[in-house]
Amino acid sequence: MTPHQLQDFLHRHIPACAALGIRVVSCSSGRVELLLPHAPNRNHKNTVFGGSTALGATVCGWALVHLNCPQAGGNIVIQSGETRYPAPARGDLLLCADSPTESDWQRCRTMLEQRGKGKITIEVRAYSQNVLAAEFSGRYVVLAA
């Protein structure tokens, strides 16, 4: 899947992505990078709103799962998520999700085949002006299509 195809998919199926101006910078089974622009997501302090950051991080992790589990046909939900904000985001956010280990993916796929649903945890980091602004850990459930 190309970045353009993924962005189109996200904007059509998760309308909040289009509303927040989320753009796919790069995507592969090993890494997803999304850009969350500052202007439409700023708060009264002129920093990126925490809710926008959490949504962007959730989508970034979701996209990585989508690319690694195409057999689910996008049938993926977030089970739990936790976001930490070590610094304010004073500019655009670059959200980065790196793939967990191959054994983590294999465990998820095996659960999906045997039980009709698999689970995996994805870590996402968000940088603003080269400063770590947020860290997100999300548990995703992949369901049989």
C-alpha atoms as a PDB file:
ATOM      1  CA  MET A   1       0.000   0.000   0.000  1.00  0.00           C
ATOM      2  CA  THR A   2       1.370   3.426  -0.913  1.00  0.00           C
ATOM      3  CA  PRO A   3       1.205   6.451   1.405  1.00  0.00           C
ATOM      4  CA  HIS A   4      -1.440   7.978  -0.876  1.00  0.00           C
ATOM      5  CA  GLN A   5      -3.591   4.816  -0.770  1.00  0.00           C
ATOM      6  CA  LEU A   6      -3.325   4.604   3.028  1.00  0.00           C
ATOM      7  CA  GLN A   7      -4.189   8.283   3.448  1.00  0.00           C
ATOM      8  CA  ASP A   8      -7.201   7.891   1.161  1.00  0.00           C
ATOM      9  CA  PHE A   9      -8.333   4.828   3.138  1.00  0.00           C
ATOM     10  CA  LEU A  10      -7.963   6.655   6.479  1.00  0.00           C
ATOM     11  CA  HIS A  11      -9.782   9.785   5.283  1.00  0.00           C
ATOM     12  CA  ARG A  12     -12.677   7.745   3.854  1.00  0.00           C
ATOM     13  CA  HIS A  13     -13.089   5.284   6.755  1.00  0.00           C
ATOM     14  CA  ILE A  14     -12.010   7.428   9.718  1.00  0.00           C
ATOM     15  CA  PRO A  15     -13.388  10.905   8.899  1.00  0.00           C
ATOM     16  CA  ALA A  16     -11.666  12.517  11.896  1.00  0.00           C
ATOM     17  CA  CYS A  17      -8.362  11.954  10.058  1.00  0.00           C
ATOM     18  CA  ALA A  18      -9.470  14.274   7.250  1.00  0.00           C
ATOM     19  CA  ALA A  19     -10.957  16.798   9.687  1.00  0.00           C
ATOM     20  CA  LEU A  20      -7.665  16.998  11.617  1.00  0.00           C
ATOM     21  CA  GLY A  21      -5.597  17.207   8.429  1.00  0.00           C
ATOM     22  CA  ILE A  22      -3.648  13.998   9.094  1.00  0.00           C
ATOM     23  CA  ARG A  23      -1.283  13.126   6.232  1.00  0.00           C
ATOM     24  CA  VAL A  24       0.624   9.902   5.646  1.00  0.00           C
ATOM     25  CA  VAL A  25       4.340  10.691   5.324  1.00  0.00           C
ATOM     26  CA  SER A  26       5.506   7.104   4.837  1.00  0.00           C
ATOM     27  CA  CYS A  27       4.211   3.600   5.390  1.00  0.00           C
ATOM     28  CA  SER A  28       5.512   0.055   5.321  1.00  0.00           C
ATOM     29  CA  SER A  29       5.037  -3.083   7.383  1.00  0.00           C
ATOM     30  CA  GLY A  30       7.979  -1.905   9.497  1.00  0.00           C
ATOM     31  CA  ARG A  31       7.062   1.724  10.141  1.00  0.00           C
ATOM     32  CA  VAL A  32       4.267   4.266   9.707  1.00  0.00           C
ATOM     33  CA  GLU A  33       4.790   8.020   9.876  1.00  0.00           C
ATOM     34  CA  LEU A  34       1.892  10.461   9.970  1.00  0.00           C
ATOM     35  CA  LEU A  35       1.931  14.257  10.059  1.00  0.00           C
ATOM     36  CA  LEU A  36      -0.580  16.026  12.310  1.00  0.00           C
ATOM     37  CA  PRO A  37      -0.535  19.754  11.445  1.00  0.00           C
ATOM     38  CA  HIS A  38      -0.382  22.268  14.264  1.00  0.00           C
ATOM     39  CA  ALA A  39      -2.855  24.889  12.960  1.00  0.00           C
ATOM     40  CA  PRO A  40      -6.120  22.883  12.914  1.00  0.00           C
ATOM     41  CA  ASN A  41      -5.194  21.033  16.125  1.00  0.00           C
ATOM     42  CA  ARG A  42      -4.010  23.846  18.389  1.00  0.00           C
ATOM     43  CA  ASN A  43      -5.458  24.706  21.753  1.00  0.00           C
ATOM     44  CA  HIS A  44      -5.761  27.965  23.728  1.00  0.00           C
ATOM     45  CA  LYS A  45      -2.027  27.752  24.607  1.00  0.00           C
ATOM     46  CA  ASN A  46      -1.088  27.518  20.897  1.00  0.00           C
ATOM     47  CA  THR A  47       0.192  23.971  21.390  1.00  0.00           C
ATOM     48  CA  VAL A  48      -1.276  20.822  19.873  1.00  0.00           C
ATOM     49  CA  PHE A  49      -4.406  19.724  21.734  1.00  0.00           C
ATOM     50  CA  GLY A  50      -3.823  16.515  23.708  1.00  0.00           C
ATOM     51  CA  GLY A  51      -6.956  14.897  22.280  1.00  0.00           C
ATOM     52  CA  SER A  52      -5.721  15.450  18.722  1.00  0.00           C
ATOM     53  CA  THR A  53      -2.363  13.974  19.682  1.00  0.00           C
ATOM     54  CA  ALA A  54      -4.012  10.894  21.203  1.00  0.00           C
ATOM     55  CA  LEU A  55      -6.252  10.426  18.160  1.00  0.00           C
ATOM     56  CA  GLY A  56      -3.303  10.808  15.776  1.00  0.00           C
ATOM     57  CA  ALA A  57      -1.237   8.301  17.758  1.00  0.00           C
ATOM     58  CA  THR A  58      -4.144   5.849  17.863  1.00  0.00           C
ATOM     59  CA  VAL A  59      -4.552   6.090  14.083  1.00  0.00           C
ATOM     60  CA  CYS A  60      -0.799   5.739  13.516  1.00  0.00           C
ATOM     61  CA  GLY A  61      -0.740   2.472  15.478  1.00  0.00           C
ATOM     62  CA  TRP A  62      -3.950   1.325  13.789  1.00  0.00           C
ATOM     63  CA  ALA A  63      -2.397   1.927  10.356  1.00  0.00           C
ATOM     64  CA  LEU A  64       0.636  -0.195  11.239  1.00  0.00           C
ATOM     65  CA  VAL A  65      -1.637  -3.056  12.315  1.00  0.00           C
ATOM     66  CA  HIS A  66      -3.692  -2.624   9.123  1.00  0.00           C
ATOM     67  CA  LEU A  67      -0.556  -2.943   6.974  1.00  0.00           C
ATOM     68  CA  ASN A  68       0.623  -6.044   8.851  1.00  0.00           C
ATOM     69  CA  CYS A  69      -2.740  -7.831   9.000  1.00  0.00           C
ATOM     70  CA  PRO A  70      -4.356  -7.304   5.583  1.00  0.00           C
ATOM     71  CA  GLN A  71      -6.406 -10.481   6.070  1.00  0.00           C
ATOM     72  CA  ALA A  72      -8.531  -8.549   8.607  1.00  0.00           C
ATOM     73  CA  GLY A  73      -9.746  -6.144   5.910  1.00  0.00           C
ATOM     74  CA  GLY A  74      -9.445  -3.180   8.293  1.00  0.00           C
ATOM     75  CA  ASN A  75     -11.460  -4.963  10.996  1.00  0.00           C
ATOM     76  CA  ILE A  76      -9.236  -3.580  13.782  1.00  0.00           C
ATOM     77  CA  VAL A  77     -10.212  -1.786  16.990  1.00  0.00           C
ATOM     78  CA  ILE A  78      -8.299  -0.169  19.830  1.00  0.00           C
ATOM     79  CA  GLN A  79      -8.773  -2.007  23.127  1.00  0.00           C
ATOM     80  CA  SER A  80      -6.796   0.330  25.365  1.00  0.00           C
ATOM     81  CA  GLY A  81      -4.382   3.189  25.027  1.00  0.00           C
ATOM     82  CA  GLU A  82      -2.217   5.349  27.211  1.00  0.00           C
ATOM     83  CA  THR A  83      -0.599   8.636  26.221  1.00  0.00           C
ATOM     84  CA  ARG A  84       2.153  10.475  28.048  1.00  0.00           C
ATOM     85  CA  TYR A  85       3.020  14.096  27.210  1.00  0.00           C
ATOM     86  CA  PRO A  86       6.635  14.884  28.209  1.00  0.00           C
ATOM     87  CA  ALA A  87       6.742  18.251  26.364  1.00  0.00           C
ATOM     88  CA  PRO A  88       4.310  20.662  24.706  1.00  0.00           C
ATOM     89  CA  ALA A  89       3.949  20.376  20.931  1.00  0.00           C
ATOM     90  CA  ARG A  90       4.522  23.892  19.591  1.00  0.00           C
ATOM     91  CA  GLY A  91       4.482  22.893  15.914  1.00  0.00           C
ATOM     92  CA  ASP A  92       3.356  20.102  13.594  1.00  0.00           C
ATOM     93  CA  LEU A  93       3.568  16.585  15.027  1.00  0.00           C
ATOM     94  CA  LEU A  94       5.394  13.743  13.321  1.00  0.00           C
ATOM     95  CA  LEU A  95       3.847  10.522  14.644  1.00  0.00           C
ATOM     96  CA  CYS A  96       6.026   7.410  14.283  1.00  0.00           C
ATOM     97  CA  ALA A  97       5.008   3.792  14.882  1.00  0.00           C
ATOM     98  CA  ASP A  98       7.734   1.168  14.561  1.00  0.00           C
ATOM     99  CA  SER A  99       6.838  -2.466  14.149  1.00  0.00           C
ATOM    100  CA  PRO A 100       7.142  -4.765  17.152  1.00  0.00           C
ATOM    101  CA  THR A 101       9.054  -8.019  16.714  1.00  0.00           C
ATOM    102  CA  GLU A 102       8.121 -10.651  14.134  1.00  0.00           C
ATOM    103  CA  SER A 103       7.304 -13.029  17.001  1.00  0.00           C
ATOM    104  CA  ASP A 104       4.752 -10.474  18.301  1.00  0.00           C
ATOM    105  CA  TRP A 105       3.094 -10.380  14.879  1.00  0.00           C
ATOM    106  CA  GLN A 106       3.158 -14.149  14.620  1.00  0.00           C
ATOM    107  CA  ARG A 107       1.482 -14.478  18.036  1.00  0.00           C
ATOM    108  CA  CYS A 108      -1.220 -12.026  16.897  1.00  0.00           C
ATOM    109  CA  ARG A 109      -1.787 -13.882  13.611  1.00  0.00           C
ATOM    110  CA  THR A 110      -1.908 -17.267  15.359  1.00  0.00           C
ATOM    111  CA  MET A 111      -4.523 -15.959  17.817  1.00  0.00           C
ATOM    112  CA  LEU A 112      -6.491 -14.542  14.877  1.00  0.00           C
ATOM    113  CA  GLU A 113      -6.467 -17.900  13.073  1.00  0.00           C
ATOM    114  CA  GLN A 114      -7.285 -19.980  16.163  1.00  0.00           C
ATOM    115  CA  ARG A 115      -9.743 -17.703  18.003  1.00  0.00           C
ATOM    116  CA  GLY A 116     -11.000 -15.273  15.386  1.00  0.00           C
ATOM    117  CA  LYS A 117      -9.204 -12.350  17.018  1.00  0.00           C
ATOM    118  CA  GLY A 118      -5.604 -11.429  17.686  1.00  0.00           C
ATOM    119  CA  LYS A 119      -4.085  -8.776  19.923  1.00  0.00           C
ATOM    120  CA  ILE A 120      -0.938  -6.699  19.628  1.00  0.00           C
ATOM    121  CA  THR A 121       0.593  -3.691  21.379  1.00  0.00           C
ATOM    122  CA  ILE A 122       1.987  -0.837  19.282  1.00  0.00           C
ATOM    123  CA  GLU A 123       4.185   1.991  20.547  1.00  0.00           C
ATOM    124  CA  VAL A 124       3.973   5.432  18.905  1.00  0.00           C
ATOM    125  CA  ARG A 125       6.199   8.451  19.453  1.00  0.00           C
ATOM    126  CA  ALA A 126       5.215  12.012  18.501  1.00  0.00           C
ATOM    127  CA  TYR A 127       7.824  14.671  17.763  1.00  0.00           C
ATOM    128  CA  SER A 128       7.297  18.409  17.425  1.00  0.00           C
ATOM    129  CA  GLN A 129      10.222  20.524  16.273  1.00  0.00           C
ATOM    130  CA  ASN A 130      12.492  17.490  16.895  1.00  0.00           C
ATOM    131  CA  VAL A 131      11.368  17.269  20.543  1.00  0.00           C
ATOM    132  CA  LEU A 132       9.553  14.211  21.914  1.00  0.00           C
ATOM    133  CA  ALA A 133       6.104  15.613  22.695  1.00  0.00           C
ATOM    134  CA  ALA A 134       4.129  12.417  23.325  1.00  0.00           C
ATOM    135  CA  GLU A 135       4.476   8.668  23.785  1.00  0.00           C
ATOM    136  CA  PHE A 136       1.541   6.365  23.169  1.00  0.00           C
ATOM    137  CA  SER A 137       1.068   2.672  23.845  1.00  0.00           C
ATOM    138  CA  GLY A 138      -2.007   1.059  22.347  1.00  0.00           C
ATOM    139  CA  ARG A 139      -3.423  -2.445  22.511  1.00  0.00           C
ATOM    140  CA  TYR A 140      -5.198  -3.350  19.269  1.00  0.00           C
ATOM    141  CA  VAL A 141      -7.592  -6.196  18.551  1.00  0.00           C
ATOM    142  CA  VAL A 142      -7.593  -7.655  15.052  1.00  0.00           C
ATOM    143  CA  LEU A 143     -10.860  -9.401  14.168  1.00  0.00           C
ATOM    144  CA  ALA A 144     -11.559 -11.944  11.458  1.00  0.00           C
ATOM    145  CA  ALA A 145     -12.978 -10.270   8.364  1.00  0.00           C
END
